[in-house]
Amino acid sequence: MSDALREWVEGLHDGVVRLPRCTRCATWNWYPRPVCRRCGGSDVIWLEVGNVGHVHTWTEVVQAVDTVEGLRTPYVAALITPMGAPDARIPMLAAECARIPAIGEEVAFEVTDTAAGRTITFCQHTR
């Protein structure tokens, strides 16, 4: 496992979402890359991004191309933009409490243990 993915997995193990941010230009780079997608810098710091974001896009999977043990169709997968990292998009699964989301809708997310393993799930945000 690469050092970058190790940081990601350790964050999930700790129950938090951490993303890499370039120390030169402050760009969030997800997925982890050896160099920043904006400035080409190679130094990053991993920071927690909180647990609230907005739906960037989503899809309902009714027939999986490949199977993940414990993940049954249908399910909703989405890219969520964390408020703490506004230029990042993180793949997440809708939790059972979630209804079909709207693009731009505010959601809360958390690291959860599912039948498919440790993942990030989201629900509509209630204040």
C-alpha atoms as a PDB file:
ATOM      1  CA  MET A   1       0.000   0.000   0.000  1.00  0.00           C
ATOM      2  CA  SER A   2       1.346   3.432  -0.896  1.00  0.00           C
ATOM      3  CA  ASP A   3       2.131   5.964   1.833  1.00  0.00           C
ATOM      4  CA  ALA A   4      -0.686   8.177   0.547  1.00  0.00           C
ATOM      5  CA  LEU A   5      -3.280   5.436   0.775  1.00  0.00           C
ATOM      6  CA  ARG A   6      -1.932   4.437   4.179  1.00  0.00           C
ATOM      7  CA  GLU A   7      -2.779   7.937   5.466  1.00  0.00           C
ATOM      8  CA  TRP A   8      -6.320   7.565   4.068  1.00  0.00           C
ATOM      9  CA  VAL A   9      -6.825   4.121   5.611  1.00  0.00           C
ATOM     10  CA  GLU A  10      -5.434   5.257   8.984  1.00  0.00           C
ATOM     11  CA  GLY A  11      -7.919   8.139   8.984  1.00  0.00           C
ATOM     12  CA  LEU A  12     -10.792   5.752   8.308  1.00  0.00           C
ATOM     13  CA  HIS A  13      -9.491   3.478  11.066  1.00  0.00           C
ATOM     14  CA  ASP A  14      -9.540   6.509  13.410  1.00  0.00           C
ATOM     15  CA  GLY A  15     -13.111   7.272  12.294  1.00  0.00           C
ATOM     16  CA  VAL A  16     -12.281  10.527  10.486  1.00  0.00           C
ATOM     17  CA  VAL A  17     -11.980  11.692   6.897  1.00  0.00           C
ATOM     18  CA  ARG A  18      -8.539  13.138   6.132  1.00  0.00           C
ATOM     19  CA  LEU A  19      -7.447  14.460   2.765  1.00  0.00           C
ATOM     20  CA  PRO A  20      -4.084  15.620   1.406  1.00  0.00           C
ATOM     21  CA  ARG A  21      -3.571  19.357   0.935  1.00  0.00           C
ATOM     22  CA  CYS A  22      -0.635  20.880  -0.922  1.00  0.00           C
ATOM     23  CA  THR A  23       1.545  22.951   1.399  1.00  0.00           C
ATOM     24  CA  ARG A  24       2.638  25.231  -1.458  1.00  0.00           C
ATOM     25  CA  CYS A  25      -0.716  26.304  -2.958  1.00  0.00           C
ATOM     26  CA  ALA A  26      -3.285  24.879  -0.470  1.00  0.00           C
ATOM     27  CA  THR A  27      -5.071  22.765  -3.112  1.00  0.00           C
ATOM     28  CA  TRP A  28      -6.881  19.651  -1.878  1.00  0.00           C
ATOM     29  CA  ASN A  29      -5.734  16.699  -3.979  1.00  0.00           C
ATOM     30  CA  TRP A  30      -8.081  13.747  -3.977  1.00  0.00           C
ATOM     31  CA  TYR A  31      -7.263  11.114  -5.069  1.00  0.00           C
ATOM     32  CA  PRO A  32      -3.737  11.251  -3.597  1.00  0.00           C
ATOM     33  CA  ARG A  33      -1.105  12.083  -6.198  1.00  0.00           C
ATOM     34  CA  PRO A  34       2.685  12.272  -6.079  1.00  0.00           C
ATOM     35  CA  VAL A  35       2.486  15.929  -7.203  1.00  0.00           C
ATOM     36  CA  CYS A  36      -0.145  18.632  -6.764  1.00  0.00           C
ATOM     37  CA  ARG A  37      -2.587  18.853  -9.661  1.00  0.00           C
ATOM     38  CA  ARG A  38      -2.465  22.662  -9.559  1.00  0.00           C
ATOM     39  CA  CYS A  39       1.145  23.722  -8.846  1.00  0.00           C
ATOM     40  CA  GLY A  40       3.227  20.543  -9.181  1.00  0.00           C
ATOM     41  CA  GLY A  41       4.390  20.701  -5.546  1.00  0.00           C
ATOM     42  CA  SER A  42       5.223  17.425  -3.841  1.00  0.00           C
ATOM     43  CA  ASP A  43       4.746  18.290  -0.156  1.00  0.00           C
ATOM     44  CA  VAL A  44       1.330  17.626   1.339  1.00  0.00           C
ATOM     45  CA  ILE A  45      -0.232  17.637   4.776  1.00  0.00           C
ATOM     46  CA  TRP A  46      -3.155  15.378   5.666  1.00  0.00           C
ATOM     47  CA  LEU A  47      -5.981  17.253   7.397  1.00  0.00           C
ATOM     48  CA  GLU A  48      -9.409  16.325   8.717  1.00  0.00           C
ATOM     49  CA  VAL A  49     -12.174  17.839   6.582  1.00  0.00           C
ATOM     50  CA  GLY A  50     -15.089  17.643   9.010  1.00  0.00           C
ATOM     51  CA  ASN A  51     -18.297  15.718   8.438  1.00  0.00           C
ATOM     52  CA  VAL A  52     -20.580  18.017   6.435  1.00  0.00           C
ATOM     53  CA  GLY A  53     -20.611  18.552   2.693  1.00  0.00           C
ATOM     54  CA  HIS A  54     -22.721  18.918  -0.436  1.00  0.00           C
ATOM     55  CA  VAL A  55     -23.778  16.380  -3.048  1.00  0.00           C
ATOM     56  CA  HIS A  56     -21.753  16.962  -6.217  1.00  0.00           C
ATOM     57  CA  THR A  57     -23.318  14.082  -8.163  1.00  0.00           C
ATOM     58  CA  TRP A  58     -24.910  10.712  -7.441  1.00  0.00           C
ATOM     59  CA  THR A  59     -26.149   7.542  -9.084  1.00  0.00           C
ATOM     60  CA  GLU A  60     -28.358   4.673  -8.026  1.00  0.00           C
ATOM     61  CA  VAL A  61     -26.709   1.337  -8.746  1.00  0.00           C
ATOM     62  CA  VAL A  62     -29.370  -1.255  -9.500  1.00  0.00           C
ATOM     63  CA  GLN A  63     -27.152  -3.831 -11.172  1.00  0.00           C
ATOM     64  CA  ALA A  64     -23.517  -3.904 -10.163  1.00  0.00           C
ATOM     65  CA  VAL A  65     -20.888  -4.561 -12.826  1.00  0.00           C
ATOM     66  CA  ASP A  66     -18.673  -6.107 -10.169  1.00  0.00           C
ATOM     67  CA  THR A  67     -19.706  -7.352  -6.768  1.00  0.00           C
ATOM     68  CA  VAL A  68     -18.391  -6.204  -3.426  1.00  0.00           C
ATOM     69  CA  GLU A  69     -19.098  -8.711  -0.692  1.00  0.00           C
ATOM     70  CA  GLY A  70     -21.782  -7.347   1.617  1.00  0.00           C
ATOM     71  CA  LEU A  71     -22.875  -4.541  -0.725  1.00  0.00           C
ATOM     72  CA  ARG A  72     -26.289  -5.349  -2.134  1.00  0.00           C
ATOM     73  CA  THR A  73     -28.057  -3.548  -4.934  1.00  0.00           C
ATOM     74  CA  PRO A  74     -29.771  -1.215  -5.205  1.00  0.00           C
ATOM     75  CA  TYR A  75     -27.619   1.391  -3.480  1.00  0.00           C
ATOM     76  CA  VAL A  76     -26.819   5.068  -3.967  1.00  0.00           C
ATOM     77  CA  ALA A  77     -23.219   6.121  -4.551  1.00  0.00           C
ATOM     78  CA  ALA A  78     -22.302   9.798  -4.594  1.00  0.00           C
ATOM     79  CA  LEU A  79     -19.429  12.225  -4.856  1.00  0.00           C
ATOM     80  CA  ILE A  80     -19.575  14.575  -1.887  1.00  0.00           C
ATOM     81  CA  THR A  81     -17.760  17.911  -1.648  1.00  0.00           C
ATOM     82  CA  PRO A  82     -16.726  18.398   1.995  1.00  0.00           C
ATOM     83  CA  MET A  83     -17.216  21.918   3.334  1.00  0.00           C
ATOM     84  CA  GLY A  84     -13.711  21.654   4.782  1.00  0.00           C
ATOM     85  CA  ALA A  85     -12.190  20.829   1.365  1.00  0.00           C
ATOM     86  CA  PRO A  86     -14.239  22.673  -1.271  1.00  0.00           C
ATOM     87  CA  ASP A  87     -12.207  21.530  -4.284  1.00  0.00           C
ATOM     88  CA  ALA A  88     -12.299  17.808  -3.388  1.00  0.00           C
ATOM     89  CA  ARG A  89     -14.886  15.166  -4.299  1.00  0.00           C
ATOM     90  CA  ILE A  90     -15.059  12.045  -2.110  1.00  0.00           C
ATOM     91  CA  PRO A  91     -16.916   8.866  -3.096  1.00  0.00           C
ATOM     92  CA  MET A  92     -19.466   7.809  -0.469  1.00  0.00           C
ATOM     93  CA  LEU A  93     -22.440   5.502  -0.053  1.00  0.00           C
ATOM     94  CA  ALA A  94     -25.885   6.589   1.095  1.00  0.00           C
ATOM     95  CA  ALA A  95     -26.719   5.307   4.571  1.00  0.00           C
ATOM     96  CA  GLU A  96     -30.029   3.567   5.161  1.00  0.00           C
ATOM     97  CA  CYS A  97     -31.452   6.791   6.597  1.00  0.00           C
ATOM     98  CA  ALA A  98     -30.814   8.657   3.359  1.00  0.00           C
ATOM     99  CA  ARG A  99     -33.389   9.342   0.682  1.00  0.00           C
ATOM    100  CA  ILE A 100     -32.349   9.989  -2.903  1.00  0.00           C
ATOM    101  CA  PRO A 101     -30.244  13.163  -2.626  1.00  0.00           C
ATOM    102  CA  ALA A 102     -30.514  16.354  -4.634  1.00  0.00           C
ATOM    103  CA  ILE A 103     -27.463  17.853  -6.329  1.00  0.00           C
ATOM    104  CA  GLY A 104     -26.131  20.586  -4.044  1.00  0.00           C
ATOM    105  CA  GLU A 105     -27.972  19.245  -1.004  1.00  0.00           C
ATOM    106  CA  GLU A 106     -26.181  19.488   2.331  1.00  0.00           C
ATOM    107  CA  VAL A 107     -25.367  16.110   3.863  1.00  0.00           C
ATOM    108  CA  ALA A 108     -23.596  14.815   6.948  1.00  0.00           C
ATOM    109  CA  PHE A 109     -21.145  11.943   6.567  1.00  0.00           C
ATOM    110  CA  GLU A 110     -19.344   9.532   8.840  1.00  0.00           C
ATOM    111  CA  VAL A 111     -16.996   6.594   8.731  1.00  0.00           C
ATOM    112  CA  THR A 112     -19.013   3.439   9.362  1.00  0.00           C
ATOM    113  CA  ASP A 113     -18.479  -0.282   9.462  1.00  0.00           C
ATOM    114  CA  THR A 114     -20.680  -1.911   6.851  1.00  0.00           C
ATOM    115  CA  ALA A 115     -21.014  -5.440   5.540  1.00  0.00           C
ATOM    116  CA  ALA A 116     -18.739  -4.271   2.709  1.00  0.00           C
ATOM    117  CA  GLY A 117     -16.066  -3.039   5.159  1.00  0.00           C
ATOM    118  CA  ARG A 118     -15.156   0.361   6.587  1.00  0.00           C
ATOM    119  CA  THR A 119     -16.517   3.090   4.343  1.00  0.00           C
ATOM    120  CA  ILE A 120     -17.951   6.609   4.397  1.00  0.00           C
ATOM    121  CA  THR A 121     -21.725   6.936   4.400  1.00  0.00           C
ATOM    122  CA  PHE A 122     -23.916  10.024   4.204  1.00  0.00           C
ATOM    123  CA  CYS A 123     -27.409  11.137   5.243  1.00  0.00           C
ATOM    124  CA  GLN A 124     -29.339  14.341   4.868  1.00  0.00           C
ATOM    125  CA  HIS A 125     -27.942  16.888   7.299  1.00  0.00           C
ATOM    126  CA  THR A 126     -30.224  17.863  10.159  1.00  0.00           C
ATOM    127  CA  ARG A 127     -29.246  20.863  12.198  1.00  0.00           C
END
